[in-house]
């Protein structure tokens, strides 16, 4: 009995000893793991110290940037207030000066008609009026900035102002002063519309003769044509639409509506004449190959605006301005087709005048022509070019003729130039003395 108890006790002790060994081994492994972790923490601590040293200058820069931002904000607030004051000042001059000059002009016209004063004084008044107008317009234009296209919207006034103007115009018409009413209205609204478009700073319109356009650098002319397309569309869809609406609202009740459309056309005619003049100058200028794409841009823009143009300048009153629109389109068609065909003739005649490359490489003219035709066949220019060729063919053959589809005309035209290009290459090939190049 005593032996059994001793054996049981020994077994328990052995089991406890085994558990202790296992626990000690686990403790040893945990100690090793903790040592490794301690080393890792040391590495991390060193990295953090290094990063802290690197970040310290950035922190200083951030503090400096914050201080600079505070100073800038303190300086900007008064500057913005000052700019607002200048803007208010310019607007005040613009709004206050024009009515004064307008009234002075009316006084001068009244004195001239009634002969209430002698000719010398009337002459002096007219000279003074002209000087004031030039000075006023020069100073105001100098103070204004170049606006975005959406800023060219013409100021039409409030509903109350429009109603008052309508009553005044009808009163003048009833009292046999219709001519004076129309004259004043056309002058005032023309100035308003012109000034609205002048905010776009269209200085390029001052150069319009073919000779002057030929002297322009290509980059400058390219920019001018792009601006012309944008401004032409803006004038039509924004300014003239607004002016037509206003003319109808104010003058539509006079003579059963027989006056207002004619007045609107008078307002738009001088402005459109400037745009037409530039477009005609470009179309009549030298027919250089690179101009083809800008001519097509102009033609395509007019084609897209054709329907709207006819609707805005409707009736007998707008017949002349619509005729000039069509004449400009004709000029662009003739010019575009002439540039295209002359380009083919230049290739046919080997007009570059350069000898063939000695190493047998592709001639410059061939590279230029291939890129030229590739650009022309792109989605942007293939449709306008085909339209130009079709229009020209109809004009030559007559309206009753049955022309080929547009795609066939453009394809055949390009094939003709490619054949001319092939003949050009063959002619250069014959100029090589050695049949085998190194």
Protein backbone atom coordinates (compact mmCIF):
# COMPACT_ATOMS: atom_id res chain seq x y z
CA UNK A 1 0.00 0.00 0.00
CA UNK A 2 2.80 2.40 0.86
CA UNK A 3 4.65 1.46 -2.31
CA UNK A 4 1.65 2.34 -4.47
CA UNK A 5 1.40 5.74 -2.89
CA UNK A 6 5.11 6.37 -3.47
CA UNK A 7 4.79 5.33 -7.16
CA UNK A 8 1.82 7.66 -7.64
CA UNK A 9 3.71 10.52 -6.03
CA UNK A 10 6.77 9.88 -8.21
CA UNK A 11 4.59 9.89 -11.35
CA UNK A 12 3.06 13.19 -10.36
CA UNK A 13 6.49 14.64 -9.72
CA UNK A 14 7.73 13.44 -13.10
CA UNK A 15 4.71 14.98 -14.79
CA UNK A 16 5.25 18.26 -12.93
CA UNK A 17 8.92 18.18 -13.89
CA UNK A 18 7.99 17.67 -17.54
CA UNK A 19 5.54 20.56 -17.41
CA UNK A 20 8.20 22.77 -15.86
CA UNK A 21 10.65 21.84 -18.60
CA UNK A 22 8.07 22.68 -21.25
CA UNK A 23 7.32 25.97 -19.51
CA UNK A 24 11.01 26.82 -19.30
CA UNK A 25 11.49 26.05 -22.98
CA UNK A 26 8.51 28.21 -23.89
CA UNK A 27 9.88 30.99 -21.65
CA UNK A 28 13.24 30.69 -23.39
CA UNK A 29 11.61 31.03 -26.81
CA UNK A 30 9.56 33.99 -25.62
CA UNK A 31 12.75 35.59 -24.31
CA UNK A 32 14.43 35.11 -27.68
CA UNK A 33 11.39 36.58 -29.44
CA UNK A 34 11.39 39.54 -27.08
CA UNK A 35 15.08 40.12 -27.78
CA UNK A 36 14.40 40.11 -31.50
CA UNK A 37 11.49 42.49 -31.00
CA UNK A 38 13.69 44.69 -28.88
CA UNK A 39 16.22 44.85 -31.72
CA UNK A 40 13.46 45.68 -34.17
CA UNK A 41 12.22 48.42 -31.88
CA UNK A 42 15.74 49.81 -31.76
CA UNK A 43 15.86 49.85 -35.56
CA UNK A 44 12.46 51.53 -35.70
CA UNK A 45 13.56 54.05 -33.11
CA UNK A 46 16.65 54.86 -35.16
CA UNK A 47 14.49 55.21 -38.30
CA UNK A 48 12.11 57.50 -36.48
CA UNK A 49 14.99 59.59 -35.24
CA UNK A 50 16.38 59.85 -38.76
CA UNK A 51 12.96 60.71 -40.17
CA UNK A 52 12.43 63.28 -37.46
CA UNK A 53 15.71 64.94 -38.36
CA UNK A 54 14.70 64.96 -42.04
CA UNK A 55 11.20 66.26 -41.36
CA UNK A 56 12.39 69.06 -39.12
CA UNK A 57 13.40 71.34 -42.05
CA UNK A 58 10.06 70.59 -43.78
CA UNK A 59 8.27 71.56 -40.61
CA UNK A 60 10.17 74.82 -40.60
CA UNK A 61 9.25 75.39 -44.25
CA UNK A 62 5.60 74.67 -43.46
CA UNK A 63 5.68 77.21 -40.67
CA UNK A 64 7.30 79.74 -43.00
CA UNK A 65 4.73 79.01 -45.72
CA UNK A 66 1.94 79.48 -43.22
CA UNK A 67 3.38 82.81 -42.15
CA UNK A 68 3.77 83.84 -45.81
CA UNK A 69 0.17 82.82 -46.56
CA UNK A 70 -1.03 84.97 -43.69
CA UNK A 71 0.91 87.96 -45.01
CA UNK A 72 -0.39 87.39 -48.56
CA UNK A 73 -3.97 87.21 -47.31
CA UNK A 74 -3.49 90.42 -45.40
CA UNK A 75 -2.12 92.10 -48.54
CA UNK A 76 -4.71 90.66 -50.96
CA UNK A 77 -7.80 91.87 -49.11
CA UNK A 78 -6.98 95.59 -49.43
CA UNK A 79 -5.80 94.99 -53.03
CA UNK A 80 -9.14 93.41 -53.95
CA UNK A 81 -10.99 96.27 -52.38
CA UNK A 82 -8.83 98.70 -54.37
CA UNK A 83 -9.51 96.81 -57.61
CA UNK A 84 -13.24 96.91 -56.90
CA UNK A 85 -12.97 100.65 -56.39
CA UNK A 86 -11.16 101.04 -59.74
CA UNK A 87 -13.80 98.91 -61.47
CA UNK A 88 -16.58 101.03 -59.97
CA UNK A 89 -14.71 104.15 -61.03
CA UNK A 90 -14.39 102.93 -64.63
CA UNK A 91 -18.06 101.95 -64.76
CA UNK A 92 -19.05 105.33 -63.36
CA UNK A 93 -17.04 107.14 -66.03
CA UNK A 94 -18.46 104.90 -68.75
CA UNK A 95 -22.06 105.32 -67.63
CA UNK A 96 -21.84 109.02 -66.86
CA UNK A 97 -19.78 110.24 -69.80
CA UNK A 98 -21.72 108.70 -72.66
CA UNK A 99 -25.12 110.33 -71.89
CA UNK A 100 -23.42 113.73 -71.61
CA UNK A 101 -21.75 113.35 -75.00
CA UNK A 102 -25.01 112.07 -76.49
CA UNK A 103 -26.91 115.11 -75.22
CA UNK A 104 -24.19 117.43 -76.51
CA UNK A 105 -24.45 115.76 -79.91
CA UNK A 106 -28.22 116.31 -79.91
CA UNK A 107 -27.67 119.99 -79.07
CA UNK A 108 -25.18 120.39 -81.92
CA UNK A 109 -27.57 118.69 -84.36
CA UNK A 110 -30.44 120.89 -83.17
CA UNK A 111 -28.40 124.08 -83.61
CA UNK A 112 -27.27 122.95 -87.04
CA UNK A 113 -30.84 122.21 -88.20
CA UNK A 114 -32.46 125.33 -86.75
CA UNK A 115 -29.53 127.69 -87.52
CA UNK A 116 -30.00 129.25 -84.08
CA UNK A 117 -26.36 130.35 -84.07
CA UNK A 118 -23.79 131.45 -86.63
CA UNK A 119 -21.76 128.98 -88.69
CA UNK A 120 -18.49 129.69 -86.86
CA UNK A 121 -19.90 128.79 -83.45
CA UNK A 122 -21.65 125.75 -84.83
CA UNK A 123 -18.34 124.65 -86.37
CA UNK A 124 -16.53 125.16 -83.04
CA UNK A 125 -19.19 123.11 -81.25
CA UNK A 126 -18.87 120.26 -83.76
CA UNK A 127 -15.08 120.26 -83.41
CA UNK A 128 -15.37 120.20 -79.62
CA UNK A 129 -17.88 117.34 -79.80
CA UNK A 130 -15.59 115.27 -82.02
CA UNK A 131 -12.63 115.88 -79.70
CA UNK A 132 -14.63 114.89 -76.62
CA UNK A 133 -15.93 111.73 -78.26
CA UNK A 134 -12.45 110.63 -79.34
CA UNK A 135 -10.98 111.41 -75.92
CA UNK A 136 -13.80 109.63 -74.10
CA UNK A 137 -13.73 106.49 -76.22
CA UNK A 138 -9.92 106.29 -76.10
CA UNK A 139 -9.74 106.62 -72.34
CA UNK A 140 -12.58 104.19 -71.66
CA UNK A 141 -11.21 101.57 -74.05
CA UNK A 142 -7.79 101.89 -72.46
CA UNK A 143 -9.20 101.23 -69.00
CA UNK A 144 -11.27 98.22 -70.01
CA UNK A 145 -9.87 94.71 -70.19
CA UNK A 146 -10.19 92.06 -72.86
CA UNK A 147 -13.32 90.13 -72.03
CA UNK A 148 -14.34 86.57 -72.68
CA UNK A 149 -16.75 85.78 -75.53
CA UNK A 150 -19.75 85.52 -73.19
CA UNK A 151 -19.13 89.12 -72.09
CA UNK A 152 -20.06 90.47 -75.52
CA UNK A 153 -23.77 90.23 -74.77
CA UNK A 154 -25.42 93.52 -75.56
CA UNK A 155 -27.12 95.42 -72.74
CA UNK A 156 -30.84 95.54 -73.56
CA UNK A 157 -32.13 97.28 -70.47
CA UNK A 158 -34.97 96.46 -68.09
CA UNK A 159 -38.57 95.76 -69.05
CA UNK A 160 -39.59 99.17 -67.76
CA UNK A 161 -36.95 100.92 -69.86
CA UNK A 162 -38.01 99.00 -72.95
CA UNK A 163 -41.65 99.90 -72.37
CA UNK A 164 -40.77 103.59 -71.95
CA UNK A 165 -38.71 103.56 -75.15
CA UNK A 166 -41.57 101.90 -77.02
CA UNK A 167 -44.00 104.61 -75.94
CA UNK A 168 -41.54 107.37 -76.84
CA UNK A 169 -40.90 105.91 -80.30
CA UNK A 170 -44.64 105.54 -80.99
CA UNK A 171 -45.26 109.12 -79.81
CA UNK A 172 -42.50 110.44 -82.11
CA UNK A 173 -43.89 108.45 -85.03
CA UNK A 174 -47.39 109.82 -84.51
CA UNK A 175 -46.02 113.39 -84.44
CA UNK A 176 -44.19 113.09 -87.80
CA UNK A 177 -40.78 112.60 -86.17
CA UNK A 178 -40.25 109.02 -87.30
CA UNK A 179 -37.04 109.84 -89.20
CA UNK A 180 -35.49 111.45 -86.09
CA UNK A 181 -36.61 108.50 -83.97
CA UNK A 182 -35.08 105.93 -86.34
CA UNK A 183 -31.87 107.92 -86.73
CA UNK A 184 -31.33 108.22 -82.97
CA UNK A 185 -32.23 104.59 -82.31
CA UNK A 186 -29.90 103.22 -85.00
CA UNK A 187 -26.98 105.39 -83.86
CA UNK A 188 -27.34 104.50 -80.18
CA UNK A 189 -27.87 100.77 -80.67
CA UNK A 190 -25.06 100.54 -83.22
CA UNK A 191 -22.66 102.05 -80.69
CA UNK A 192 -23.89 99.63 -78.03
CA UNK A 193 -23.51 96.58 -80.26
CA UNK A 194 -20.12 97.71 -81.53
CA UNK A 195 -18.84 98.30 -77.99
CA UNK A 196 -20.13 94.90 -76.91
CA UNK A 197 -18.01 93.26 -79.62
CA UNK A 198 -15.06 95.57 -78.99
CA UNK A 199 -14.70 93.96 -75.57
CA UNK A 200 -13.30 90.98 -77.43
CA UNK A 201 -10.45 93.19 -78.68
CA UNK A 202 -10.72 92.22 -82.38
CA UNK A 203 -7.63 94.16 -83.51
CA UNK A 204 -7.04 91.64 -86.29
CA UNK A 205 -10.00 93.11 -88.21
CA UNK A 206 -7.94 96.24 -88.89
CA UNK A 207 -5.87 94.20 -91.36
CA UNK A 208 -8.16 93.23 -94.21
CA UNK A 209 -6.72 93.93 -97.66
CA UNK A 210 -5.20 90.95 -99.51
CA UNK A 211 -1.85 92.75 -99.67
CA UNK A 212 -1.78 93.35 -95.92
CA UNK A 213 -2.83 89.78 -95.20
CA UNK A 214 -0.06 88.44 -97.45
CA UNK A 215 2.47 90.35 -95.33
CA UNK A 216 1.25 88.78 -92.06
CA UNK A 217 3.23 85.96 -90.48
CA UNK A 218 1.49 82.63 -90.89
CA UNK A 219 1.11 82.04 -87.14
CA UNK A 220 -0.48 85.47 -86.67
CA UNK A 221 -2.84 84.96 -89.61
CA UNK A 222 -3.81 81.50 -88.38
CA UNK A 223 -4.74 82.93 -84.97
CA UNK A 224 -6.64 85.82 -86.58
CA UNK A 225 -8.74 83.44 -88.70
CA UNK A 226 -9.58 81.30 -85.66
CA UNK A 227 -10.69 84.42 -83.76
CA UNK A 228 -12.70 85.59 -86.78
CA UNK A 229 -14.65 82.32 -86.80
CA UNK A 230 -15.41 82.56 -83.07
CA UNK A 231 -16.33 86.25 -83.15
CA UNK A 232 -18.49 85.90 -86.28
CA UNK A 233 -20.53 83.17 -84.62
CA UNK A 234 -20.76 85.15 -81.37
CA UNK A 235 -21.90 88.33 -83.13
CA UNK A 236 -24.61 86.44 -84.97
CA UNK A 237 -25.94 84.21 -82.20
CA UNK A 238 -25.63 86.59 -79.28
CA UNK A 239 -25.40 90.27 -80.17
CA UNK A 240 -27.58 90.38 -83.29
CA UNK A 241 -30.22 88.03 -81.89
CA UNK A 242 -30.53 90.37 -78.89
CA UNK A 243 -30.61 93.50 -81.08
CA UNK A 244 -33.28 92.02 -83.33
CA UNK A 245 -35.43 91.17 -80.33
CA UNK A 246 -35.01 94.68 -78.90
CA UNK A 247 -35.82 96.34 -82.23
CA UNK A 248 -39.04 94.36 -82.42
CA UNK A 249 -39.99 95.23 -78.84
CA UNK A 250 -39.41 98.98 -79.27
CA UNK A 251 -40.27 99.65 -82.93
CA UNK A 252 -42.52 96.70 -83.76
CA UNK A 253 -45.69 98.70 -83.22
CA UNK A 254 -44.79 101.47 -85.69
CA UNK A 255 -46.36 101.30 -89.17
CA UNK A 256 -47.67 97.79 -88.55
CA UNK A 257 -44.17 96.43 -88.05
CA UNK A 258 -42.73 97.75 -91.29
CA UNK A 259 -39.85 99.67 -89.66
CA UNK A 260 -38.19 97.59 -86.97
CA UNK A 261 -36.53 94.96 -89.18
CA UNK A 262 -35.00 97.61 -91.42
CA UNK A 263 -33.62 99.43 -88.36
CA UNK A 264 -32.10 96.21 -87.05
CA UNK A 265 -30.40 95.51 -90.37
CA UNK A 266 -28.95 99.04 -90.38
CA UNK A 267 -27.47 98.39 -86.93
CA UNK A 268 -25.93 95.08 -87.98
CA UNK A 269 -24.83 96.07 -91.47
CA UNK A 270 -21.76 98.12 -90.52
CA UNK A 271 -20.56 95.53 -88.04
CA UNK A 272 -21.04 92.62 -90.43
CA UNK A 273 -19.29 94.61 -93.15
CA UNK A 274 -16.11 94.56 -91.06
CA UNK A 275 -16.30 90.78 -90.66
CA UNK A 276 -17.07 90.28 -94.35
CA UNK A 277 -14.18 92.56 -95.31
CA UNK A 278 -11.66 90.46 -93.37
CA UNK A 279 -13.04 87.18 -94.73
CA UNK A 280 -12.93 88.48 -98.30
CA UNK A 281 -9.36 89.68 -97.81
CA UNK A 282 -8.28 86.21 -96.64
CA UNK A 283 -10.06 84.56 -99.55
CA UNK A 284 -8.43 86.89 -102.10
CA UNK A 285 -4.92 86.66 -100.64
CA UNK A 286 -2.16 84.46 -102.06
CA UNK A 287 -3.16 80.83 -102.57
CA UNK A 288 -0.51 79.15 -100.43
CA UNK A 289 -0.98 75.42 -99.70
CA UNK A 290 -1.11 75.81 -95.90
CA UNK A 291 -4.05 78.23 -96.18
CA UNK A 292 -6.36 75.50 -97.43
CA UNK A 293 -7.23 74.19 -93.98
CA UNK A 294 -8.07 77.62 -92.53
CA UNK A 295 -10.14 78.42 -95.63
CA UNK A 296 -12.04 75.18 -95.06
CA UNK A 297 -12.54 76.13 -91.40
CA UNK A 298 -14.07 79.45 -92.51
CA UNK A 299 -16.26 77.77 -95.13
CA UNK A 300 -17.44 75.10 -92.70
CA UNK A 301 -18.34 77.70 -90.06
CA UNK A 302 -20.40 79.69 -92.59
CA UNK A 303 -22.16 76.52 -93.74
CA UNK A 304 -23.18 75.76 -90.16
CA UNK A 305 -24.46 79.33 -89.67
CA UNK A 306 -26.22 79.65 -93.04
CA UNK A 307 -29.71 78.74 -91.82
CA UNK A 308 -29.50 80.92 -88.71
CA UNK A 309 -28.12 83.81 -90.76
CA UNK A 310 -31.07 83.66 -93.18
CA UNK A 311 -33.54 83.51 -90.29
CA UNK A 312 -32.00 86.48 -88.47
CA UNK A 313 -31.66 88.67 -91.58
CA UNK A 314 -35.02 87.76 -93.06
CA UNK A 315 -37.17 89.51 -95.61
CA UNK A 316 -36.39 92.24 -98.07
CA UNK A 317 -34.53 94.30 -95.46
CA UNK A 318 -31.89 91.61 -95.03
CA UNK A 319 -31.52 90.75 -98.73
CA UNK A 320 -28.30 92.73 -99.25
CA UNK A 321 -26.52 91.39 -96.18
CA UNK A 322 -27.56 87.82 -97.07
CA UNK A 323 -26.22 88.38 -100.57
CA UNK A 324 -22.87 89.43 -99.19
CA UNK A 325 -22.86 86.33 -96.96
CA UNK A 326 -23.36 84.15 -100.04
CA UNK A 327 -20.68 86.06 -101.95
CA UNK A 328 -18.21 85.37 -99.14
CA UNK A 329 -19.08 81.68 -99.28
CA UNK A 330 -18.48 81.69 -103.05
CA UNK A 331 -15.10 83.33 -102.57
CA UNK A 332 -14.12 80.71 -99.99
CA UNK A 333 -15.23 77.90 -102.31
CA UNK A 334 -13.22 79.31 -105.23
CA UNK A 335 -10.17 79.98 -103.05
CA UNK A 336 -10.22 76.56 -101.37
CA UNK A 337 -10.57 74.68 -104.66
CA UNK A 338 -7.90 76.84 -106.31
CA UNK A 339 -5.42 76.21 -103.48
CA UNK A 340 -6.12 72.49 -103.73
CA UNK A 341 -5.71 72.24 -107.50
CA UNK A 342 -2.66 74.51 -107.53
CA UNK A 343 -1.07 72.25 -104.95
CA UNK A 344 -1.47 69.36 -107.38
CA UNK A 345 0.02 71.44 -110.19
CA UNK A 346 3.00 72.34 -108.02
CA UNK A 347 3.66 68.65 -107.43
CA UNK A 348 3.18 67.90 -111.12
CA UNK A 349 5.65 70.58 -112.10
CA UNK A 350 8.21 69.65 -109.43
CA UNK A 351 8.07 73.23 -108.22
CA UNK A 352 10.32 72.67 -105.23
CA UNK A 353 13.34 72.96 -107.56
CA UNK A 354 15.57 70.85 -105.32
CA UNK A 355 17.71 68.01 -106.73
CA UNK A 356 16.84 64.50 -105.57
CA UNK A 357 18.47 63.42 -102.29
CA UNK A 358 21.89 61.90 -102.93
CA UNK A 359 21.25 59.04 -100.50
CA UNK A 360 17.99 58.05 -102.17
CA UNK A 361 15.82 59.08 -99.20
CA UNK A 362 12.24 60.33 -99.54
CA UNK A 363 12.19 63.90 -100.98
CA UNK A 364 10.84 66.68 -98.76
CA UNK A 365 8.07 67.48 -101.22
CA UNK A 366 6.83 63.89 -101.11
CA UNK A 367 6.81 63.83 -97.29
CA UNK A 368 4.99 67.15 -97.20
CA UNK A 369 2.42 66.05 -99.78
CA UNK A 370 1.68 62.75 -98.02
CA UNK A 371 1.13 64.49 -94.66
CA UNK A 372 -0.93 67.18 -96.41
CA UNK A 373 -3.26 64.66 -98.03
CA UNK A 374 -3.48 62.59 -94.85
CA UNK A 375 -4.60 65.69 -92.94
CA UNK A 376 -7.05 66.59 -95.70
CA UNK A 377 -8.59 63.11 -95.62
CA UNK A 378 -9.14 63.30 -91.86
CA UNK A 379 -12.61 63.49 -90.35
CA UNK A 380 -12.26 67.23 -89.71
CA UNK A 381 -11.55 68.32 -93.29
CA UNK A 382 -12.77 65.57 -95.60
CA UNK A 383 -16.44 66.67 -95.45
CA UNK A 384 -15.81 70.43 -96.02
CA UNK A 385 -13.35 69.69 -98.86
CA UNK A 386 -15.83 67.34 -100.52
CA UNK A 387 -18.55 69.97 -100.16
CA UNK A 388 -16.29 72.58 -101.78
CA UNK A 389 -15.48 70.31 -104.73
CA UNK A 390 -19.14 69.42 -105.21
CA UNK A 391 -20.26 73.05 -105.04
CA UNK A 392 -17.63 74.13 -107.53
CA UNK A 393 -18.60 71.35 -109.93
CA UNK A 394 -22.30 72.27 -109.72
CA UNK A 395 -21.50 75.90 -110.47
CA UNK A 396 -19.45 74.93 -113.50
CA UNK A 397 -21.84 72.29 -114.86
CA UNK A 398 -25.09 74.02 -113.92
CA UNK A 399 -27.70 73.42 -111.26
CA UNK A 400 -29.61 70.89 -113.40
CA UNK A 401 -26.56 68.63 -113.79
CA UNK A 402 -26.20 65.39 -111.83
CA UNK A 403 -22.86 65.58 -110.03
CA UNK A 404 -21.04 62.63 -108.53
CA UNK A 405 -21.36 61.91 -104.80
CA UNK A 406 -19.12 64.07 -102.58
CA UNK A 407 -17.04 61.08 -101.46
CA UNK A 408 -16.21 60.13 -105.06
CA UNK A 409 -15.16 63.69 -105.93
CA UNK A 410 -12.75 63.93 -103.00
CA UNK A 411 -11.42 60.42 -103.61
CA UNK A 412 -10.78 61.11 -107.30
CA UNK A 413 -9.14 64.46 -106.51
CA UNK A 414 -6.78 62.85 -104.01
CA UNK A 415 -6.01 60.03 -106.45
CA UNK A 416 -5.10 62.61 -109.10
CA UNK A 417 -2.65 64.28 -106.74
CA UNK A 418 -1.21 60.91 -105.74
CA UNK A 419 -0.66 60.10 -109.41
CA UNK A 420 1.01 63.49 -109.87
CA UNK A 421 3.16 62.68 -106.86
CA UNK A 422 4.11 59.35 -108.40
CA UNK A 423 5.11 61.05 -111.64
CA UNK A 424 7.14 63.54 -109.61
CA UNK A 425 9.00 60.70 -107.89
CA UNK A 426 9.59 58.96 -111.21
CA UNK A 427 11.02 62.15 -112.70
CA UNK A 428 13.39 62.53 -109.74
CA UNK A 429 14.36 58.88 -110.08
CA UNK A 430 15.54 59.47 -113.65
CA UNK A 431 17.90 62.20 -112.44
CA UNK A 432 20.04 59.71 -110.51
CA UNK A 433 23.20 58.76 -112.41
CA UNK A 434 23.91 55.68 -110.31
CA UNK A 435 21.17 53.07 -110.48
CA UNK A 436 22.47 51.43 -107.32
CA UNK A 437 22.83 53.78 -104.34
CA UNK A 438 25.26 53.03 -101.53
